[in-house]
Every structure is written in C-alpha cells, then in structure tokens.
Amino acid sequence: MIELFLIFLFFLDGGFAIIYELNDTEYNKMPPMFRLEPYAPCVEEPGGVYCAVELTLVADDANPLMTMIQEYSARREMHFNHSRLHRGICVTKTCKDYLSQNTSADLKLVLEGCLNDSLWAEYNLKSKLSSEVLCNDLDNKMDIDFGDIAVAVICLSIVLLHVVGNLYDFFYVPNKDRKGMYYLNLKLKSCNL
C-alpha cells in the first residue's frame, strides 16, 4: 500500500512542476506578454478602429510550449503570468480579412479569430478573450457625466483662487498706503515674512 502511495506522489509531483528560470532561447519561445500596434495611424484613417484586449492562452492537445508557459508562470512570486497576453490591435488593418468575412460585425468574434490565427501560425497556440474588448475610433464621442463636471468645477475654483490671491498680492501688498485685508496681510514677526 505504501508503494502505491509513493508512486502516486511521484506522478503527482511531476504533474505540477515549476520552472524557476529559463535561458534566453527558451524564454524567447514564449509569445510576448504585450504587443501594441501604432494607435494614431490606425484611428486617423477613415473608419479606423483600434482595440485593446486581454487574452488567455489555451492549447487543445498536449503542447510542450503551453506546458512550459504554465510551469514558468506557476512561480507567481518571481514571474509574470505569461499565459495572459495583452494586445493593442488595429482591427481595420490587421484583421481586415476577418471583418469582411464576419457579416454580424461582432468585434469580439473578429478579434478572437484574427488573434487565434496569428498565435497558431507563430506558436501553435490558441487563445480566448478573457475580458471585455475596449475599442476606440475618432467617431466615438466622449460622454461627460456629473463626476467630470464636479472635477472641472473644483479645478477651476482652485485656479481662480490662485489668480485672485496673486492679483491681491501684486496690487495691495507692495503699496504701503493700503494695508489690504487684515487676514491676508498677517505676517509672523519671528519669521520675518
């Protein structure tokens, strides 16, 4: 019975391996965690759409690269999670073939298909979108809500108080004939202000 338990522990330990470090060659086999395409040229062209997505890598079959990524990312106190990728992508340039094929124009489907094909071609890996898709184009209008107005009023009040204080200091304090407001002219004798 003890032998079976030891064999079980041996196989259990091998299934949850942790890679403590990789050499540069092995590390460069993994897809980069961040890849951002140029933003401005994308949204400045007519109809340009730029999206930021977060992907989770998956593999259908036993894939040595995916196993290496999971084992390397398992040491969370020392390594980033390389199974979660972040991409900034110009949909109208990079995924234009998928846009023409997808008649529903669902950007999530377009991006998932496009990114899966590029990851499969380079690394034999697939991905799933793990969060909402954030897209931007020049046609999107900014929504201004109450919080935006409140912050603007507070900032403008601070600037206005600053300007009034500077004008008061400039016009009234240097003039010895006018004493100005009592509370604004208080000077500490010990500090010689």
C-alpha atoms as a PDB file:
ATOM      1  CA  MET A   1       0.000   0.000   0.000  1.00  0.00           C
ATOM      2  CA  ILE A   2       2.836   2.398   0.846  1.00  0.00           C
ATOM      3  CA  GLU A   3       4.459   1.681  -2.531  1.00  0.00           C
ATOM      4  CA  LEU A   4       1.281   2.722  -4.359  1.00  0.00           C
ATOM      5  CA  PHE A   5       1.102   5.901  -2.307  1.00  0.00           C
ATOM      6  CA  LEU A   6       4.729   6.756  -3.145  1.00  0.00           C
ATOM      7  CA  ILE A   7       4.146   6.079  -6.854  1.00  0.00           C
ATOM      8  CA  PHE A   8       1.068   8.313  -6.719  1.00  0.00           C
ATOM      9  CA  LEU A   9       3.102  11.087  -5.084  1.00  0.00           C
ATOM     10  CA  PHE A  10       5.811  10.694  -7.718  1.00  0.00           C
ATOM     11  CA  PHE A  11       3.329  11.176 -10.573  1.00  0.00           C
ATOM     12  CA  LEU A  12       1.508  13.958  -8.735  1.00  0.00           C
ATOM     13  CA  ASP A  13       4.753  15.860  -8.222  1.00  0.00           C
ATOM     14  CA  GLY A  14       5.666  15.568 -11.912  1.00  0.00           C
ATOM     15  CA  GLY A  15       2.285  16.968 -12.957  1.00  0.00           C
ATOM     16  CA  PHE A  16       2.739  20.232 -11.056  1.00  0.00           C
ATOM     17  CA  ALA A  17       6.281  21.172 -11.979  1.00  0.00           C
ATOM     18  CA  ILE A  18       7.578  24.703 -11.550  1.00  0.00           C
ATOM     19  CA  ILE A  19      10.264  26.168 -13.757  1.00  0.00           C
ATOM     20  CA  TYR A  20      12.415  28.525 -11.713  1.00  0.00           C
ATOM     21  CA  GLU A  21      14.304  30.112 -14.586  1.00  0.00           C
ATOM     22  CA  LEU A  22      14.700  29.884 -18.340  1.00  0.00           C
ATOM     23  CA  ASN A  23      17.607  30.734 -20.575  1.00  0.00           C
ATOM     24  CA  ASP A  24      17.106  33.428 -23.220  1.00  0.00           C
ATOM     25  CA  THR A  25      16.436  30.944 -26.018  1.00  0.00           C
ATOM     26  CA  GLU A  26      13.685  29.180 -24.096  1.00  0.00           C
ATOM     27  CA  TYR A  27      12.218  32.461 -22.813  1.00  0.00           C
ATOM     28  CA  ASN A  28      12.016  33.901 -26.334  1.00  0.00           C
ATOM     29  CA  LYS A  29       9.952  30.914 -27.485  1.00  0.00           C
ATOM     30  CA  MET A  30       7.019  32.269 -25.474  1.00  0.00           C
ATOM     31  CA  PRO A  31       4.730  34.863 -27.070  1.00  0.00           C
ATOM     32  CA  PRO A  32       5.384  38.391 -25.770  1.00  0.00           C
ATOM     33  CA  MET A  33       3.046  39.447 -22.988  1.00  0.00           C
ATOM     34  CA  PHE A  34       2.450  42.876 -24.543  1.00  0.00           C
ATOM     35  CA  ARG A  35       2.236  43.757 -28.224  1.00  0.00           C
ATOM     36  CA  LEU A  36       0.814  47.113 -29.236  1.00  0.00           C
ATOM     37  CA  GLU A  37       0.350  48.283 -32.790  1.00  0.00           C
ATOM     38  CA  PRO A  38       0.612  52.032 -33.512  1.00  0.00           C
ATOM     39  CA  TYR A  39      -2.541  53.796 -32.311  1.00  0.00           C
ATOM     40  CA  ALA A  40      -2.590  57.165 -34.100  1.00  0.00           C
ATOM     41  CA  PRO A  41      -2.195  55.949 -37.708  1.00  0.00           C
ATOM     42  CA  CYS A  42      -4.970  53.439 -37.107  1.00  0.00           C
ATOM     43  CA  VAL A  43      -7.661  55.785 -35.815  1.00  0.00           C
ATOM     44  CA  GLU A  44      -6.733  58.643 -38.148  1.00  0.00           C
ATOM     45  CA  GLU A  45      -7.619  56.680 -41.269  1.00  0.00           C
ATOM     46  CA  PRO A  46     -11.306  56.735 -42.244  1.00  0.00           C
ATOM     47  CA  GLY A  47     -13.220  54.085 -40.331  1.00  0.00           C
ATOM     48  CA  GLY A  48     -10.143  53.030 -38.350  1.00  0.00           C
ATOM     49  CA  VAL A  49     -10.840  51.018 -35.195  1.00  0.00           C
ATOM     50  CA  TYR A  50      -8.209  50.237 -32.528  1.00  0.00           C
ATOM     51  CA  CYS A  51      -8.947  47.686 -29.809  1.00  0.00           C
ATOM     52  CA  ALA A  52      -7.204  46.644 -26.599  1.00  0.00           C
ATOM     53  CA  VAL A  53      -7.818  43.059 -25.491  1.00  0.00           C
ATOM     54  CA  GLU A  54      -6.601  40.620 -22.883  1.00  0.00           C
ATOM     55  CA  LEU A  55      -6.119  37.014 -23.967  1.00  0.00           C
ATOM     56  CA  THR A  56      -5.720  33.741 -22.127  1.00  0.00           C
ATOM     57  CA  LEU A  57      -3.614  31.136 -23.900  1.00  0.00           C
ATOM     58  CA  VAL A  58      -5.083  27.662 -24.359  1.00  0.00           C
ATOM     59  CA  ALA A  59      -3.994  24.525 -26.178  1.00  0.00           C
ATOM     60  CA  ASP A  60      -6.227  21.755 -27.492  1.00  0.00           C
ATOM     61  CA  ASP A  61      -3.662  18.967 -27.290  1.00  0.00           C
ATOM     62  CA  ALA A  62      -0.574  18.407 -25.178  1.00  0.00           C
ATOM     63  CA  ASN A  63       1.641  21.268 -26.268  1.00  0.00           C
ATOM     64  CA  PRO A  64       5.193  21.478 -24.877  1.00  0.00           C
ATOM     65  CA  LEU A  65       5.260  25.274 -25.229  1.00  0.00           C
ATOM     66  CA  MET A  66       1.982  25.672 -23.318  1.00  0.00           C
ATOM     67  CA  THR A  67       3.270  23.312 -20.619  1.00  0.00           C
ATOM     68  CA  MET A  68       6.451  25.378 -20.327  1.00  0.00           C
ATOM     69  CA  ILE A  69       4.447  28.621 -20.086  1.00  0.00           C
ATOM     70  CA  GLN A  70       2.213  27.201 -17.358  1.00  0.00           C
ATOM     71  CA  GLU A  71       5.126  25.802 -15.361  1.00  0.00           C
ATOM     72  CA  TYR A  72       7.118  29.023 -15.667  1.00  0.00           C
ATOM     73  CA  SER A  73       4.109  31.152 -14.681  1.00  0.00           C
ATOM     74  CA  ALA A  74       3.349  28.912 -11.698  1.00  0.00           C
ATOM     75  CA  ARG A  75       6.030  30.680  -9.650  1.00  0.00           C
ATOM     76  CA  ARG A  76       3.939  33.793  -9.154  1.00  0.00           C
ATOM     77  CA  GLU A  77       6.216  35.497  -6.654  1.00  0.00           C
ATOM     78  CA  MET A  78       9.013  35.715  -9.243  1.00  0.00           C
ATOM     79  CA  HIS A  79       7.418  35.538 -12.719  1.00  0.00           C
ATOM     80  CA  PHE A  80       4.644  37.239 -14.595  1.00  0.00           C
ATOM     81  CA  ASN A  81       1.777  35.127 -15.846  1.00  0.00           C
ATOM     82  CA  HIS A  82       2.809  34.502 -19.439  1.00  0.00           C
ATOM     83  CA  SER A  83      -0.451  32.703 -20.220  1.00  0.00           C
ATOM     84  CA  ARG A  84      -2.261  36.081 -20.159  1.00  0.00           C
ATOM     85  CA  LEU A  85      -1.404  38.295 -23.102  1.00  0.00           C
ATOM     86  CA  HIS A  86      -2.305  41.920 -23.737  1.00  0.00           C
ATOM     87  CA  ARG A  87      -2.727  43.171 -27.270  1.00  0.00           C
ATOM     88  CA  GLY A  88      -3.442  46.525 -28.832  1.00  0.00           C
ATOM     89  CA  ILE A  89      -4.562  45.868 -32.369  1.00  0.00           C
ATOM     90  CA  CYS A  90      -5.684  47.925 -35.342  1.00  0.00           C
ATOM     91  CA  VAL A  91      -8.716  45.929 -36.396  1.00  0.00           C
ATOM     92  CA  THR A  92      -9.160  47.655 -39.745  1.00  0.00           C
ATOM     93  CA  LYS A  93      -5.573  46.867 -40.822  1.00  0.00           C
ATOM     94  CA  THR A  94      -4.582  43.628 -39.123  1.00  0.00           C
ATOM     95  CA  CYS A  95      -7.960  41.869 -39.152  1.00  0.00           C
ATOM     96  CA  LYS A  96      -9.471  43.257 -42.354  1.00  0.00           C
ATOM     97  CA  ASP A  97      -9.944  39.744 -43.797  1.00  0.00           C
ATOM     98  CA  TYR A  98     -11.974  38.749 -40.748  1.00  0.00           C
ATOM     99  CA  LEU A  99     -14.045  41.925 -40.886  1.00  0.00           C
ATOM    100  CA  SER A 100     -15.085  41.140 -44.453  1.00  0.00           C
ATOM    101  CA  GLN A 101     -15.958  37.516 -43.546  1.00  0.00           C
ATOM    102  CA  ASN A 102     -17.977  38.397 -40.434  1.00  0.00           C
ATOM    103  CA  THR A 103     -21.259  39.912 -41.537  1.00  0.00           C
ATOM    104  CA  SER A 104     -22.537  40.481 -37.988  1.00  0.00           C
ATOM    105  CA  ALA A 105     -19.602  42.850 -37.328  1.00  0.00           C
ATOM    106  CA  ASP A 106     -19.175  41.488 -33.804  1.00  0.00           C
ATOM    107  CA  LEU A 107     -15.704  42.754 -32.924  1.00  0.00           C
ATOM    108  CA  LYS A 108     -15.196  40.099 -30.264  1.00  0.00           C
ATOM    109  CA  LEU A 109     -15.582  37.308 -32.826  1.00  0.00           C
ATOM    110  CA  VAL A 110     -13.416  39.128 -35.349  1.00  0.00           C
ATOM    111  CA  LEU A 111     -10.625  39.705 -32.841  1.00  0.00           C
ATOM    112  CA  GLU A 112     -10.712  36.193 -31.439  1.00  0.00           C
ATOM    113  CA  GLY A 113     -10.462  34.643 -34.913  1.00  0.00           C
ATOM    114  CA  CYS A 114      -7.749  37.026 -36.044  1.00  0.00           C
ATOM    115  CA  LEU A 115      -5.613  36.640 -32.934  1.00  0.00           C
ATOM    116  CA  ASN A 116      -6.084  32.871 -32.847  1.00  0.00           C
ATOM    117  CA  ASP A 117      -4.798  32.554 -36.398  1.00  0.00           C
ATOM    118  CA  SER A 118      -1.738  34.705 -35.720  1.00  0.00           C
ATOM    119  CA  LEU A 119      -0.931  32.829 -32.476  1.00  0.00           C
ATOM    120  CA  TRP A 120      -1.426  29.493 -34.196  1.00  0.00           C
ATOM    121  CA  ALA A 121       0.845  30.463 -37.088  1.00  0.00           C
ATOM    122  CA  GLU A 122       3.659  31.636 -34.776  1.00  0.00           C
ATOM    123  CA  TYR A 123       3.377  29.416 -31.688  1.00  0.00           C
ATOM    124  CA  ASN A 124       0.815  26.630 -32.337  1.00  0.00           C
ATOM    125  CA  LEU A 125      -1.312  28.057 -29.535  1.00  0.00           C
ATOM    126  CA  LYS A 126      -4.872  29.334 -29.327  1.00  0.00           C
ATOM    127  CA  SER A 127      -6.406  31.998 -27.149  1.00  0.00           C
ATOM    128  CA  LYS A 128      -9.678  33.099 -25.651  1.00  0.00           C
ATOM    129  CA  LEU A 129     -10.608  36.682 -24.914  1.00  0.00           C
ATOM    130  CA  SER A 130     -10.627  36.953 -21.141  1.00  0.00           C
ATOM    131  CA  SER A 131     -12.140  40.389 -20.669  1.00  0.00           C
ATOM    132  CA  GLU A 132     -14.265  42.892 -22.477  1.00  0.00           C
ATOM    133  CA  VAL A 133     -12.982  44.386 -25.697  1.00  0.00           C
ATOM    134  CA  LEU A 134     -12.111  48.080 -25.433  1.00  0.00           C
ATOM    135  CA  CYS A 135     -12.253  49.772 -28.813  1.00  0.00           C
ATOM    136  CA  ASN A 136     -11.738  53.340 -29.915  1.00  0.00           C
ATOM    137  CA  ASP A 137     -12.105  55.308 -33.105  1.00  0.00           C
ATOM    138  CA  LEU A 138     -12.331  59.010 -33.880  1.00  0.00           C
ATOM    139  CA  ASP A 139     -16.105  58.782 -34.340  1.00  0.00           C
ATOM    140  CA  ASN A 140     -16.680  57.891 -30.670  1.00  0.00           C
ATOM    141  CA  LYS A 141     -17.912  60.847 -28.660  1.00  0.00           C
ATOM    142  CA  MET A 142     -16.849  61.324 -25.057  1.00  0.00           C
ATOM    143  CA  ASP A 143     -19.668  61.093 -22.531  1.00  0.00           C
ATOM    144  CA  ILE A 144     -19.488  63.787 -19.865  1.00  0.00           C
ATOM    145  CA  ASP A 145     -21.174  62.890 -16.603  1.00  0.00           C
ATOM    146  CA  PHE A 146     -21.664  64.574 -13.214  1.00  0.00           C
ATOM    147  CA  GLY A 147     -18.271  63.440 -11.887  1.00  0.00           C
ATOM    148  CA  ASP A 148     -16.463  65.060 -14.819  1.00  0.00           C
ATOM    149  CA  ILE A 149     -18.300  68.343 -14.233  1.00  0.00           C
ATOM    150  CA  ALA A 150     -17.593  68.261 -10.474  1.00  0.00           C
ATOM    151  CA  VAL A 151     -13.851  67.744 -11.019  1.00  0.00           C
ATOM    152  CA  ALA A 152     -13.772  70.555 -13.596  1.00  0.00           C
ATOM    153  CA  VAL A 153     -15.546  72.954 -11.196  1.00  0.00           C
ATOM    154  CA  ILE A 154     -13.139  72.104  -8.362  1.00  0.00           C
ATOM    155  CA  CYS A 155     -10.077  72.583 -10.607  1.00  0.00           C
ATOM    156  CA  LEU A 156     -11.387  75.884 -11.970  1.00  0.00           C
ATOM    157  CA  SER A 157     -12.146  77.096  -8.419  1.00  0.00           C
ATOM    158  CA  ILE A 158      -8.580  76.356  -7.334  1.00  0.00           C
ATOM    159  CA  VAL A 159      -7.158  78.177 -10.363  1.00  0.00           C
ATOM    160  CA  LEU A 160      -9.495  81.128  -9.773  1.00  0.00           C
ATOM    161  CA  LEU A 161      -8.493  81.390  -6.086  1.00  0.00           C
ATOM    162  CA  HIS A 162      -4.838  81.269  -7.117  1.00  0.00           C
ATOM    163  CA  VAL A 163      -5.286  84.080  -9.650  1.00  0.00           C
ATOM    164  CA  VAL A 164      -7.230  86.253  -7.169  1.00  0.00           C
ATOM    165  CA  GLY A 165      -4.574  85.720  -4.485  1.00  0.00           C
ATOM    166  CA  ASN A 166      -1.771  86.640  -6.874  1.00  0.00           C
ATOM    167  CA  LEU A 167      -3.590  89.771  -8.061  1.00  0.00           C
ATOM    168  CA  TYR A 168      -4.231  90.816  -4.467  1.00  0.00           C
ATOM    169  CA  ASP A 169      -0.589  90.273  -3.573  1.00  0.00           C
ATOM    170  CA  PHE A 170       0.600  92.196  -6.620  1.00  0.00           C
ATOM    171  CA  PHE A 171      -1.686  95.255  -6.249  1.00  0.00           C
ATOM    172  CA  TYR A 172      -2.231  95.684  -2.500  1.00  0.00           C
ATOM    173  CA  VAL A 173       0.706  94.325  -0.527  1.00  0.00           C
ATOM    174  CA  PRO A 174       3.605  96.311  -2.086  1.00  0.00           C
ATOM    175  CA  ASN A 175       1.632  99.551  -1.718  1.00  0.00           C
ATOM    176  CA  LYS A 176       2.443 100.878   1.786  1.00  0.00           C
ATOM    177  CA  ASP A 177      -0.556 103.240   1.826  1.00  0.00           C
ATOM    178  CA  ARG A 178      -3.067 100.417   1.567  1.00  0.00           C
ATOM    179  CA  LYS A 179      -2.968  97.796   4.199  1.00  0.00           C
ATOM    180  CA  GLY A 180      -5.245  95.376   2.399  1.00  0.00           C
ATOM    181  CA  MET A 181      -7.297  92.818   4.190  1.00  0.00           C
ATOM    182  CA  TYR A 182      -6.234  92.097   7.737  1.00  0.00           C
ATOM    183  CA  TYR A 183      -6.369  88.301   7.481  1.00  0.00           C
ATOM    184  CA  LEU A 184      -4.425  88.176   4.230  1.00  0.00           C
ATOM    185  CA  ASN A 185      -1.688  90.550   5.479  1.00  0.00           C
ATOM    186  CA  LEU A 186      -0.809  88.741   8.698  1.00  0.00           C
ATOM    187  CA  LYS A 187       2.916  88.345   8.939  1.00  0.00           C
ATOM    188  CA  LEU A 188       4.762  86.428  11.532  1.00  0.00           C
ATOM    189  CA  LYS A 189       7.305  88.707  13.169  1.00  0.00           C
ATOM    190  CA  SER A 190       9.560  85.843  14.184  1.00  0.00           C
ATOM    191  CA  CYS A 191       9.775  84.538  10.617  1.00  0.00           C
ATOM    192  CA  ASN A 192      10.270  87.980   9.050  1.00  0.00           C
ATOM    193  CA  LEU A 193       7.859  87.239   6.261  1.00  0.00           C
END
